[in-house]
Amino acid sequence: MAERASDRLLRMLGMITYLDRHAGVPVEQVAEQFGVTPAQVIDDVDTLWMTGTPGYFPHDLIDFDAASYEAGVVRLTESRGMTRPLRLGTREAVALVAALRAMEEALGPRLEPARAAVLSSALAKLTAATGEAAATIDVRLAVDGAPEVVEALSAALRDGRRLRLRYVNAADVASTRDVDPIRLVTDDERSYLLAWCLRADDERLFRVDRILRADVLGEAAQPHRVRADAEVFRPDPSGGLVTLHLTSQGRWVAENVPVEAVRNHDDGTFEVDLRIANRAFLRHLLLQAADDILEVRPADAAADVSAVARAALDAYGPLAD
């Protein structure tokens, strides 16, 4: 999936702190530290080099040593105060307390003791520093899905039990799966169960609102090793490949839809490759992004959505004029 702007921002902020603590780091080492390619590190540094405080004159910008950079080493020379300790206002502190309490509720029982201790310590110190404002916060995580399903998932995770799921995928095909639950995952819009699917013998993400039924079994869930990025949704690799050529205003597609590749053009337009298993999803996406689409490949995908759009207009009859 294409990287979200918010994820890149967090990485670049972390990169400033990391480089401030190390006097010159090879590009390859920075890439390994942040889990990206050397080319992405170079792009990030080039962006940071043009970033700073209002005024944006040379002395207002984050700066690096040019000679070291040409030799493949990143050495930060001016952080513009980005590495100073953060001073939180009451509103920011309360928001952080809420986030930590939500994390403790969701992950606390399943964290390793050392990590659980760090989380509890941070929450206790921040709550004490925030004072009475923090005492008014009551956090409950909202997981989208049928209440009985959410209850079964929570019980299985809490007790370490295997689950039997009745699940409907994006193509509206229902199936029954026995899974070993690992954890609940949430993003800005959806909730997922990360689990080990016994039928596929691999990790899988199940959208909670697509689970029709969840039964807690008597068998204990077995431990499984999953990839570090297992919580990132990936489209079905068996789906057909579709390429969209979009204007710069359509950048939201690359940031919000799981895509396999992004290619930027010199004129500001760009292309994305998507793996499509459900034509209904593609029709919805193309209609939503229609004003920013320059080309769709293969041509039959464009013809399909065009026919749907014409049928919708025809349904209005004379009103369509």
Protein backbone atom coordinates (compact mmCIF):
# COMPACT_ATOMS: atom_id res chain seq x y z
CA MET A 1 0.00 0.00 0.00
CA ALA A 2 1.23 3.49 -0.76
CA GLU A 3 2.56 5.30 2.26
CA ARG A 4 0.25 7.74 3.97
CA ALA A 5 1.45 11.31 4.41
CA SER A 6 0.93 11.01 8.18
CA ASP A 7 3.16 7.92 8.34
CA ARG A 8 5.91 9.66 6.42
CA LEU A 9 5.66 12.71 8.69
CA LEU A 10 6.09 10.55 11.79
CA ARG A 11 9.13 8.85 10.27
CA MET A 12 10.79 12.13 9.32
CA LEU A 13 10.23 13.55 12.81
CA GLY A 14 11.82 10.41 14.24
CA MET A 15 14.65 10.70 11.76
CA ILE A 16 15.54 14.18 13.03
CA THR A 17 15.79 12.90 16.62
CA TYR A 18 17.81 9.85 15.53
CA LEU A 19 20.27 11.89 13.49
CA ASP A 20 20.63 14.45 16.26
CA ARG A 21 21.92 11.68 18.54
CA HIS A 22 24.35 10.25 15.99
CA ALA A 23 27.16 12.25 14.41
CA GLY A 24 26.83 11.16 10.79
CA VAL A 25 25.05 7.98 9.71
CA PRO A 26 25.37 6.19 6.33
CA VAL A 27 22.21 6.34 4.24
CA GLU A 28 21.94 2.53 4.28
CA GLN A 29 22.04 2.48 8.10
CA VAL A 30 19.31 5.12 8.34
CA ALA A 31 17.22 3.06 5.90
CA GLU A 32 17.66 -0.07 8.02
CA GLN A 33 16.79 1.82 11.21
CA PHE A 34 13.47 3.08 9.81
CA GLY A 35 12.58 0.09 7.64
CA VAL A 36 12.63 1.90 4.28
CA THR A 37 14.82 1.91 1.19
CA PRO A 38 17.93 4.13 0.81
CA ALA A 39 16.07 5.96 -1.99
CA GLN A 40 13.26 6.82 0.44
CA VAL A 41 15.79 8.13 2.97
CA ILE A 42 17.23 10.42 0.30
CA ASP A 43 13.72 11.67 -0.56
CA ASP A 44 13.01 12.30 3.13
CA VAL A 45 16.26 14.21 3.65
CA ASP A 46 15.62 16.31 0.53
CA THR A 47 12.18 17.19 1.94
CA LEU A 48 13.53 17.99 5.40
CA TRP A 49 16.21 20.18 3.84
CA MET A 50 13.44 22.48 2.60
CA THR A 51 11.53 22.44 5.90
CA GLY A 52 11.77 24.91 8.74
CA THR A 53 10.18 27.69 10.72
CA PRO A 54 8.25 30.68 9.30
CA GLY A 55 10.44 32.99 7.29
CA TYR A 56 11.95 30.05 5.44
CA PHE A 57 15.24 31.78 4.81
CA PRO A 58 18.35 29.52 4.86
CA HIS A 59 18.91 30.09 8.60
CA ASP A 60 15.28 29.12 9.31
CA LEU A 61 15.55 25.67 7.72
CA ILE A 62 16.57 22.23 8.99
CA ASP A 63 20.08 21.71 7.63
CA PHE A 64 22.49 18.88 6.80
CA ASP A 65 26.18 18.78 5.95
CA ALA A 66 26.32 18.81 2.15
CA ALA A 67 29.82 17.30 1.87
CA SER A 68 28.87 14.33 4.05
CA TYR A 69 25.62 13.87 2.11
CA GLU A 70 27.48 13.66 -1.19
CA ALA A 71 29.60 10.90 0.37
CA GLY A 72 26.48 8.93 1.32
CA VAL A 73 26.43 9.97 4.99
CA VAL A 74 23.60 11.93 6.62
CA ARG A 75 24.82 14.42 9.25
CA LEU A 76 22.32 16.79 10.81
CA THR A 77 23.74 20.26 11.51
CA GLU A 78 20.59 22.24 12.41
CA SER A 79 17.42 20.72 13.88
CA ARG A 80 15.58 24.05 14.35
CA GLY A 81 14.57 23.03 17.87
CA MET A 82 12.79 19.84 16.76
CA THR A 83 14.73 17.75 19.32
CA ARG A 84 13.88 19.87 22.37
CA PRO A 85 11.59 18.21 24.96
CA LEU A 86 7.93 18.66 24.05
CA ARG A 87 5.88 20.86 26.38
CA LEU A 88 2.27 19.71 26.36
CA GLY A 89 -0.71 21.94 27.01
CA THR A 90 -3.65 20.56 28.98
CA ARG A 91 -5.57 19.64 25.84
CA GLU A 92 -2.61 17.75 24.31
CA ALA A 93 -1.88 15.96 27.60
CA VAL A 94 -5.50 14.85 27.99
CA ALA A 95 -5.54 13.52 24.41
CA LEU A 96 -2.34 11.56 25.10
CA VAL A 97 -3.76 10.16 28.36
CA ALA A 98 -6.85 8.99 26.45
CA ALA A 99 -4.69 7.31 23.81
CA LEU A 100 -2.56 5.54 26.43
CA ARG A 101 -5.64 4.34 28.31
CA ALA A 102 -7.11 3.00 25.07
CA MET A 103 -3.82 1.21 24.37
CA GLU A 104 -3.74 -0.23 27.88
CA GLU A 105 -7.32 -1.49 27.55
CA ALA A 106 -6.68 -3.08 24.15
CA LEU A 107 -3.17 -4.48 24.63
CA GLY A 108 -2.42 -4.50 28.35
CA PRO A 109 -3.38 -8.13 29.16
CA ARG A 110 -1.40 -9.45 26.17
CA LEU A 111 1.77 -7.36 26.39
CA GLU A 112 5.06 -8.79 27.56
CA PRO A 113 5.64 -7.83 31.23
CA ALA A 114 8.45 -5.39 30.39
CA ARG A 115 6.37 -3.56 27.78
CA ALA A 116 3.29 -3.55 29.99
CA ALA A 117 5.36 -1.97 32.76
CA VAL A 118 6.58 0.78 30.42
CA LEU A 119 3.02 1.52 29.31
CA SER A 120 1.68 1.62 32.88
CA SER A 121 4.56 3.81 34.06
CA ALA A 122 4.12 6.32 31.23
CA LEU A 123 0.37 6.48 31.81
CA ALA A 124 0.76 6.96 35.58
CA LYS A 125 3.32 9.76 35.19
CA LEU A 126 1.32 11.59 32.55
CA THR A 127 -1.91 11.24 34.53
CA ALA A 128 -0.22 12.66 37.62
CA ALA A 129 1.22 15.56 35.64
CA THR A 130 -2.11 16.35 33.98
CA GLY A 131 -3.98 16.49 37.29
CA GLU A 132 -7.75 16.81 37.59
CA ALA A 133 -8.32 17.01 33.82
CA ALA A 134 -7.10 13.43 33.39
CA ALA A 135 -9.46 12.15 36.09
CA THR A 136 -12.48 12.99 33.93
CA ILE A 137 -11.43 10.70 31.07
CA ASP A 138 -13.22 7.38 30.64
CA VAL A 139 -12.02 5.49 27.54
CA ARG A 140 -13.88 2.60 25.91
CA LEU A 141 -12.70 1.30 22.55
CA ALA A 142 -15.51 1.02 19.99
CA VAL A 143 -15.05 -2.03 17.74
CA ASP A 144 -17.40 -2.12 14.76
CA GLY A 145 -19.24 -5.42 14.48
CA ALA A 146 -22.12 -7.38 15.98
CA PRO A 147 -21.98 -7.18 19.82
CA GLU A 148 -22.02 -10.97 20.20
CA VAL A 149 -19.14 -11.28 17.71
CA VAL A 150 -17.05 -8.64 19.48
CA GLU A 151 -17.75 -10.34 22.82
CA ALA A 152 -16.61 -13.72 21.46
CA LEU A 153 -13.42 -12.23 19.97
CA SER A 154 -12.59 -10.50 23.26
CA ALA A 155 -13.20 -13.69 25.26
CA ALA A 156 -11.03 -15.79 22.93
CA LEU A 157 -8.20 -13.27 23.08
CA ARG A 158 -8.46 -12.97 26.86
CA ASP A 159 -8.59 -16.75 27.50
CA GLY A 160 -6.25 -17.84 24.68
CA ARG A 161 -8.86 -19.94 22.85
CA ARG A 162 -9.30 -20.95 19.23
CA LEU A 163 -12.21 -19.43 17.25
CA ARG A 164 -14.52 -20.68 14.52
CA LEU A 165 -15.58 -17.81 12.27
CA ARG A 166 -18.33 -17.51 9.69
CA TYR A 167 -16.87 -14.82 7.44
CA VAL A 168 -17.91 -12.92 4.29
CA ASN A 169 -15.07 -11.58 2.16
CA ALA A 170 -15.03 -8.53 -0.14
CA ALA A 171 -16.41 -10.63 -3.01
CA ASP A 172 -19.48 -11.51 -0.86
CA VAL A 173 -18.39 -15.16 -0.51
CA ALA A 174 -19.05 -16.74 2.89
CA SER A 175 -16.79 -19.38 4.43
CA THR A 176 -16.08 -21.02 7.77
CA ARG A 177 -12.59 -20.71 9.24
CA ASP A 178 -10.92 -22.04 12.38
CA VAL A 179 -8.39 -19.46 13.56
CA ASP A 180 -6.00 -18.76 16.40
CA PRO A 181 -6.66 -15.11 17.34
CA ILE A 182 -3.62 -12.89 17.82
CA ARG A 183 -4.98 -9.37 18.46
CA LEU A 184 -7.55 -6.79 17.45
CA VAL A 185 -6.33 -4.09 15.09
CA THR A 186 -7.97 -0.73 14.42
CA ASP A 187 -7.23 2.01 11.93
CA ASP A 188 -9.00 5.27 11.13
CA GLU A 189 -12.06 3.51 9.68
CA ARG A 190 -12.17 -0.23 10.43
CA SER A 191 -11.53 -2.88 13.07
CA TYR A 192 -9.79 -6.15 12.18
CA LEU A 193 -8.97 -9.43 13.87
CA LEU A 194 -5.40 -10.47 13.17
CA ALA A 195 -5.40 -14.25 13.40
CA TRP A 196 -3.67 -17.38 12.16
CA CYS A 197 -6.00 -19.14 9.71
CA LEU A 198 -5.63 -22.92 9.99
CA ARG A 199 -7.07 -23.50 6.51
CA ALA A 200 -4.57 -21.16 4.84
CA ASP A 201 -1.80 -21.98 7.35
CA ASP A 202 -0.92 -18.31 7.35
CA GLU A 203 -1.77 -15.02 9.04
CA ARG A 204 -4.93 -13.24 7.94
CA LEU A 205 -6.79 -10.00 8.70
CA PHE A 206 -10.56 -10.42 9.17
CA ARG A 207 -12.73 -7.30 9.11
CA VAL A 208 -14.80 -7.50 12.26
CA ASP A 209 -17.96 -6.12 10.64
CA ARG A 210 -17.79 -8.97 8.07
CA ILE A 211 -17.70 -11.72 10.71
CA LEU A 212 -21.23 -13.16 10.76
CA ARG A 213 -20.61 -15.46 13.69
CA ALA A 214 -17.77 -16.25 16.08
CA ASP A 215 -17.72 -19.32 18.35
CA VAL A 216 -15.09 -19.81 21.04
CA LEU A 217 -13.80 -23.39 20.85
CA GLY A 218 -12.50 -25.56 23.67
CA GLU A 219 -9.05 -25.87 22.10
CA ALA A 220 -6.27 -23.56 23.21
CA ALA A 221 -4.97 -21.15 20.57
CA GLN A 222 -1.42 -21.95 19.52
CA PRO A 223 1.31 -19.26 19.35
CA HIS A 224 2.36 -18.21 15.84
CA ARG A 225 5.06 -15.93 14.47
CA VAL A 226 3.68 -13.21 12.20
CA ARG A 227 5.38 -10.61 10.03
CA ALA A 228 6.17 -7.22 11.56
CA ASP A 229 3.79 -5.61 9.03
CA ALA A 230 1.05 -8.22 9.43
CA GLU A 231 -1.41 -5.51 10.49
CA VAL A 232 -1.18 -3.84 7.07
CA PHE A 233 -4.06 -4.86 4.81
CA ARG A 234 -3.03 -6.41 1.47
CA PRO A 235 -5.40 -7.13 -1.43
CA ASP A 236 -5.96 -10.67 -2.66
CA PRO A 237 -2.94 -11.44 -4.93
CA SER A 238 -5.22 -13.43 -7.25
CA GLY A 239 -7.14 -10.29 -8.26
CA GLY A 240 -6.65 -8.63 -11.63
CA LEU A 241 -4.24 -5.71 -11.97
CA VAL A 242 -5.72 -2.31 -12.84
CA THR A 243 -3.71 0.87 -13.48
CA LEU A 244 -5.12 4.36 -12.86
CA HIS A 245 -3.52 7.53 -14.23
CA LEU A 246 -4.60 10.44 -12.00
CA THR A 247 -4.12 14.17 -11.62
CA SER A 248 -2.28 15.51 -8.58
CA GLN A 249 -5.64 16.20 -6.88
CA GLY A 250 -6.28 12.44 -6.82
CA ARG A 251 -3.36 11.77 -4.47
CA TRP A 252 -5.87 10.63 -1.84
CA VAL A 253 -6.33 7.41 -3.83
CA ALA A 254 -2.69 6.40 -3.26
CA GLU A 255 -2.90 7.23 0.44
CA ASN A 256 -6.23 5.61 1.29
CA VAL A 257 -6.57 2.62 -1.04
CA PRO A 258 -4.25 -0.44 -0.88
CA VAL A 259 -2.10 -0.09 -4.02
CA GLU A 260 0.81 -2.17 -5.27
CA ALA A 261 2.86 0.61 -6.86
CA VAL A 262 2.92 4.37 -7.37
CA ARG A 263 4.72 6.07 -10.29
CA ASN A 264 5.05 9.85 -10.27
CA HIS A 265 5.33 11.82 -13.54
CA ASP A 266 7.19 15.05 -14.14
CA ASP A 267 3.96 16.92 -14.94
CA GLY A 268 2.58 16.27 -11.45
CA THR A 269 0.27 13.43 -12.45
CA PHE A 270 0.87 9.89 -11.23
CA GLU A 271 -0.13 6.27 -11.78
CA VAL A 272 -1.17 3.60 -9.29
CA ASP A 273 -1.47 -0.16 -9.74
CA LEU A 274 -4.31 -1.87 -7.83
CA ARG A 275 -5.05 -5.55 -7.37
CA ILE A 276 -8.83 -5.90 -7.80
CA ALA A 277 -10.75 -8.98 -6.65
CA ASN A 278 -14.17 -7.28 -6.55
CA ARG A 279 -15.43 -5.28 -9.55
CA ALA A 280 -18.03 -3.52 -7.39
CA PHE A 281 -15.21 -1.97 -5.33
CA LEU A 282 -13.48 -0.78 -8.51
CA ARG A 283 -16.69 0.78 -9.87
CA HIS A 284 -17.21 2.66 -6.60
CA LEU A 285 -13.63 3.91 -6.57
CA LEU A 286 -13.66 5.06 -10.20
CA LEU A 287 -16.95 6.90 -9.80
CA GLN A 288 -15.66 8.56 -6.63
CA ALA A 289 -12.41 9.68 -8.28
CA ALA A 290 -13.87 10.36 -11.74
CA ASP A 291 -12.91 14.06 -11.87
CA ASP A 292 -9.24 13.21 -11.28
CA ILE A 293 -8.88 10.14 -13.54
CA LEU A 294 -6.98 10.62 -16.81
CA GLU A 295 -6.79 6.99 -17.94
CA VAL A 296 -7.79 3.50 -16.80
CA ARG A 297 -6.02 0.32 -17.96
CA PRO A 298 -7.17 -2.19 -19.07
CA ALA A 299 -9.80 -0.45 -21.19
CA ASP A 300 -12.56 -2.92 -20.27
CA ALA A 301 -12.45 -1.68 -16.65
CA ALA A 302 -13.16 1.85 -17.84
CA ALA A 303 -15.92 0.62 -20.16
CA ASP A 304 -17.53 -1.28 -17.30
CA VAL A 305 -17.75 1.72 -14.97
CA SER A 306 -18.81 3.95 -17.86
CA ALA A 307 -21.75 1.63 -18.53
CA VAL A 308 -22.72 1.74 -14.86
CA ALA A 309 -22.61 5.55 -14.86
CA ARG A 310 -24.75 5.74 -18.02
CA ALA A 311 -27.28 3.30 -16.54
CA ALA A 312 -27.52 5.48 -13.44
CA LEU A 313 -28.16 8.57 -15.57
CA ASP A 314 -30.72 6.76 -17.69
CA ALA A 315 -32.63 5.85 -14.52
CA TYR A 316 -33.29 9.57 -14.00
CA GLY A 317 -34.96 9.82 -17.42
CA PRO A 318 -35.71 13.44 -18.47
CA LEU A 319 -34.31 14.69 -15.15
CA ALA A 320 -30.81 13.69 -16.28
CA ASP A 321 -30.81 16.66 -18.71
